[in-house]
Amino acid sequence: MPVQRARRTDLSGRAGRPDGVIYRQQYVGCGKVGCRRCPPTGPGHGPYWYGYYWDYRQRTRSFYVGKTLPTGVELITPSDDAASTRPTEGGDAHT
């Protein structure tokens, strides 16, 4: 299963989290010797959802969400992700 990304659409009940939260799935290693799910024999445990945001010092912070996304969060499709990284029309702003 490919790892997915998501973003919060309803920011009214964010429980103290900043507006710009991006959710991403990650595999996690448990650290036990000989675990077959952890690298190099497997991808790890999960995937689990984590939320990422920038704090007031402009540092990236993360928090554990769990196996399922909270309500008010939509998945980012690959076409949405490519559109957000595509340069805007009109060329370079410095010319």
C-alpha atoms as a PDB file:
ATOM      1  CA  MET A   1       0.000   0.000   0.000  1.00  0.00           C
ATOM      2  CA  PRO A   2       1.496   3.380  -0.956  1.00  0.00           C
ATOM      3  CA  VAL A   3       2.012   5.950   1.771  1.00  0.00           C
ATOM      4  CA  GLN A   4      -0.563   8.756   1.590  1.00  0.00           C
ATOM      5  CA  ARG A   5      -0.776  12.427   2.549  1.00  0.00           C
ATOM      6  CA  ALA A   6      -3.741  14.476   3.712  1.00  0.00           C
ATOM      7  CA  ARG A   7      -4.675  17.972   4.838  1.00  0.00           C
ATOM      8  CA  ARG A   8      -7.230  19.394   7.262  1.00  0.00           C
ATOM      9  CA  THR A   9     -10.200  21.105   5.637  1.00  0.00           C
ATOM     10  CA  ASP A  10     -12.188  22.183   8.714  1.00  0.00           C
ATOM     11  CA  LEU A  11      -9.945  24.196  11.027  1.00  0.00           C
ATOM     12  CA  SER A  12     -12.627  25.092  13.595  1.00  0.00           C
ATOM     13  CA  GLY A  13     -11.937  22.180  15.970  1.00  0.00           C
ATOM     14  CA  ARG A  14      -8.198  21.792  15.633  1.00  0.00           C
ATOM     15  CA  ALA A  15      -7.576  21.591  19.407  1.00  0.00           C
ATOM     16  CA  GLY A  16      -4.756  24.126  19.573  1.00  0.00           C
ATOM     17  CA  ARG A  17      -2.922  23.002  16.454  1.00  0.00           C
ATOM     18  CA  PRO A  18      -1.792  25.646  13.959  1.00  0.00           C
ATOM     19  CA  ASP A  19      -3.628  26.129  10.663  1.00  0.00           C
ATOM     20  CA  GLY A  20      -1.042  24.587   8.343  1.00  0.00           C
ATOM     21  CA  VAL A  21      -1.177  20.942   9.422  1.00  0.00           C
ATOM     22  CA  ILE A  22      -0.234  18.334   6.816  1.00  0.00           C
ATOM     23  CA  TYR A  23      -0.832  14.664   7.604  1.00  0.00           C
ATOM     24  CA  ARG A  24       1.468  11.942   6.313  1.00  0.00           C
ATOM     25  CA  GLN A  25       1.636   8.183   6.754  1.00  0.00           C
ATOM     26  CA  GLN A  26       4.897   6.695   8.017  1.00  0.00           C
ATOM     27  CA  TYR A  27       6.248   3.273   8.800  1.00  0.00           C
ATOM     28  CA  VAL A  28       7.929   2.978  12.202  1.00  0.00           C
ATOM     29  CA  GLY A  29      10.645   0.645  13.455  1.00  0.00           C
ATOM     30  CA  CYS A  30      10.176  -0.960  16.869  1.00  0.00           C
ATOM     31  CA  GLY A  31      13.877  -1.519  17.592  1.00  0.00           C
ATOM     32  CA  LYS A  32      13.504  -5.157  18.644  1.00  0.00           C
ATOM     33  CA  VAL A  33      16.324  -7.431  17.508  1.00  0.00           C
ATOM     34  CA  GLY A  34      15.182  -9.855  14.807  1.00  0.00           C
ATOM     35  CA  CYS A  35      11.813  -8.178  14.099  1.00  0.00           C
ATOM     36  CA  ARG A  36      10.726  -9.285  10.623  1.00  0.00           C
ATOM     37  CA  ARG A  37       8.555  -6.207  10.030  1.00  0.00           C
ATOM     38  CA  CYS A  38      11.402  -3.715  10.527  1.00  0.00           C
ATOM     39  CA  PRO A  39      14.093  -2.927   7.907  1.00  0.00           C
ATOM     40  CA  PRO A  40      15.992  -4.507   6.206  1.00  0.00           C
ATOM     41  CA  THR A  41      13.524  -7.412   5.887  1.00  0.00           C
ATOM     42  CA  GLY A  42      10.301  -5.369   5.912  1.00  0.00           C
ATOM     43  CA  PRO A  43       8.961  -1.814   5.642  1.00  0.00           C
ATOM     44  CA  GLY A  44       8.309  -1.370   9.369  1.00  0.00           C
ATOM     45  CA  HIS A  45       5.160  -1.229  11.491  1.00  0.00           C
ATOM     46  CA  GLY A  46       2.169   0.727  10.286  1.00  0.00           C
ATOM     47  CA  PRO A  47       1.657   2.859   8.327  1.00  0.00           C
ATOM     48  CA  TYR A  48       0.597   5.337  11.007  1.00  0.00           C
ATOM     49  CA  TRP A  49      -0.641   8.894  10.455  1.00  0.00           C
ATOM     50  CA  TYR A  50       1.448  11.815  11.771  1.00  0.00           C
ATOM     51  CA  GLY A  51       0.645  15.525  11.603  1.00  0.00           C
ATOM     52  CA  TYR A  52       3.298  18.115  10.695  1.00  0.00           C
ATOM     53  CA  TYR A  53       3.232  21.873  11.235  1.00  0.00           C
ATOM     54  CA  TRP A  54       5.586  24.851  11.721  1.00  0.00           C
ATOM     55  CA  ASP A  55       5.791  26.302  15.227  1.00  0.00           C
ATOM     56  CA  TYR A  56       6.307  29.968  16.123  1.00  0.00           C
ATOM     57  CA  ARG A  57      10.103  29.549  15.758  1.00  0.00           C
ATOM     58  CA  GLN A  58       9.643  28.214  12.199  1.00  0.00           C
ATOM     59  CA  ARG A  59      10.628  24.697  13.188  1.00  0.00           C
ATOM     60  CA  THR A  60       8.806  21.639  11.935  1.00  0.00           C
ATOM     61  CA  ARG A  61       6.885  19.826  14.672  1.00  0.00           C
ATOM     62  CA  SER A  62       5.047  16.540  14.440  1.00  0.00           C
ATOM     63  CA  PHE A  63       2.484  14.641  16.455  1.00  0.00           C
ATOM     64  CA  TYR A  64       1.147  11.089  16.343  1.00  0.00           C
ATOM     65  CA  VAL A  65      -2.413  10.716  15.034  1.00  0.00           C
ATOM     66  CA  GLY A  66      -2.941   6.937  14.802  1.00  0.00           C
ATOM     67  CA  LYS A  67      -4.135   4.367  12.274  1.00  0.00           C
ATOM     68  CA  THR A  68      -7.077   6.492  11.073  1.00  0.00           C
ATOM     69  CA  LEU A  69      -7.347  10.149  10.124  1.00  0.00           C
ATOM     70  CA  PRO A  70      -9.347  12.557  12.307  1.00  0.00           C
ATOM     71  CA  THR A  71     -12.609  14.001  10.995  1.00  0.00           C
ATOM     72  CA  GLY A  72     -12.395  17.017   8.697  1.00  0.00           C
ATOM     73  CA  VAL A  73      -9.253  15.813   6.903  1.00  0.00           C
ATOM     74  CA  GLU A  74      -9.147  15.079   3.166  1.00  0.00           C
ATOM     75  CA  LEU A  75      -6.654  12.923   1.296  1.00  0.00           C
ATOM     76  CA  ILE A  76      -4.318  14.659  -1.137  1.00  0.00           C
ATOM     77  CA  THR A  77      -4.408  12.871  -4.470  1.00  0.00           C
ATOM     78  CA  PRO A  78      -1.236  12.727  -6.596  1.00  0.00           C
ATOM     79  CA  SER A  79      -2.777  15.231  -9.048  1.00  0.00           C
ATOM     80  CA  ASP A  80      -3.472  17.692  -6.176  1.00  0.00           C
ATOM     81  CA  ASP A  81       0.088  17.278  -4.922  1.00  0.00           C
ATOM     82  CA  ALA A  82       1.596  17.917  -8.375  1.00  0.00           C
ATOM     83  CA  ALA A  83      -0.580  21.011  -8.856  1.00  0.00           C
ATOM     84  CA  SER A  84       0.633  22.517  -5.577  1.00  0.00           C
ATOM     85  CA  THR A  85       4.298  22.144  -6.579  1.00  0.00           C
ATOM     86  CA  ARG A  86       3.839  23.335 -10.178  1.00  0.00           C
ATOM     87  CA  PRO A  87       5.273  26.823 -10.859  1.00  0.00           C
ATOM     88  CA  THR A  88       2.783  29.568 -11.528  1.00  0.00           C
ATOM     89  CA  GLU A  89       2.308  30.931 -15.007  1.00  0.00           C
ATOM     90  CA  GLY A  90       3.954  34.192 -15.892  1.00  0.00           C
ATOM     91  CA  GLY A  91       7.558  33.168 -15.326  1.00  0.00           C
ATOM     92  CA  ASP A  92       9.996  34.249 -12.674  1.00  0.00           C
ATOM     93  CA  ALA A  93       8.903  37.013 -10.298  1.00  0.00           C
ATOM     94  CA  HIS A  94      12.436  38.488 -10.241  1.00  0.00           C
ATOM     95  CA  THR A  95      12.484  39.556 -13.904  1.00  0.00           C
END
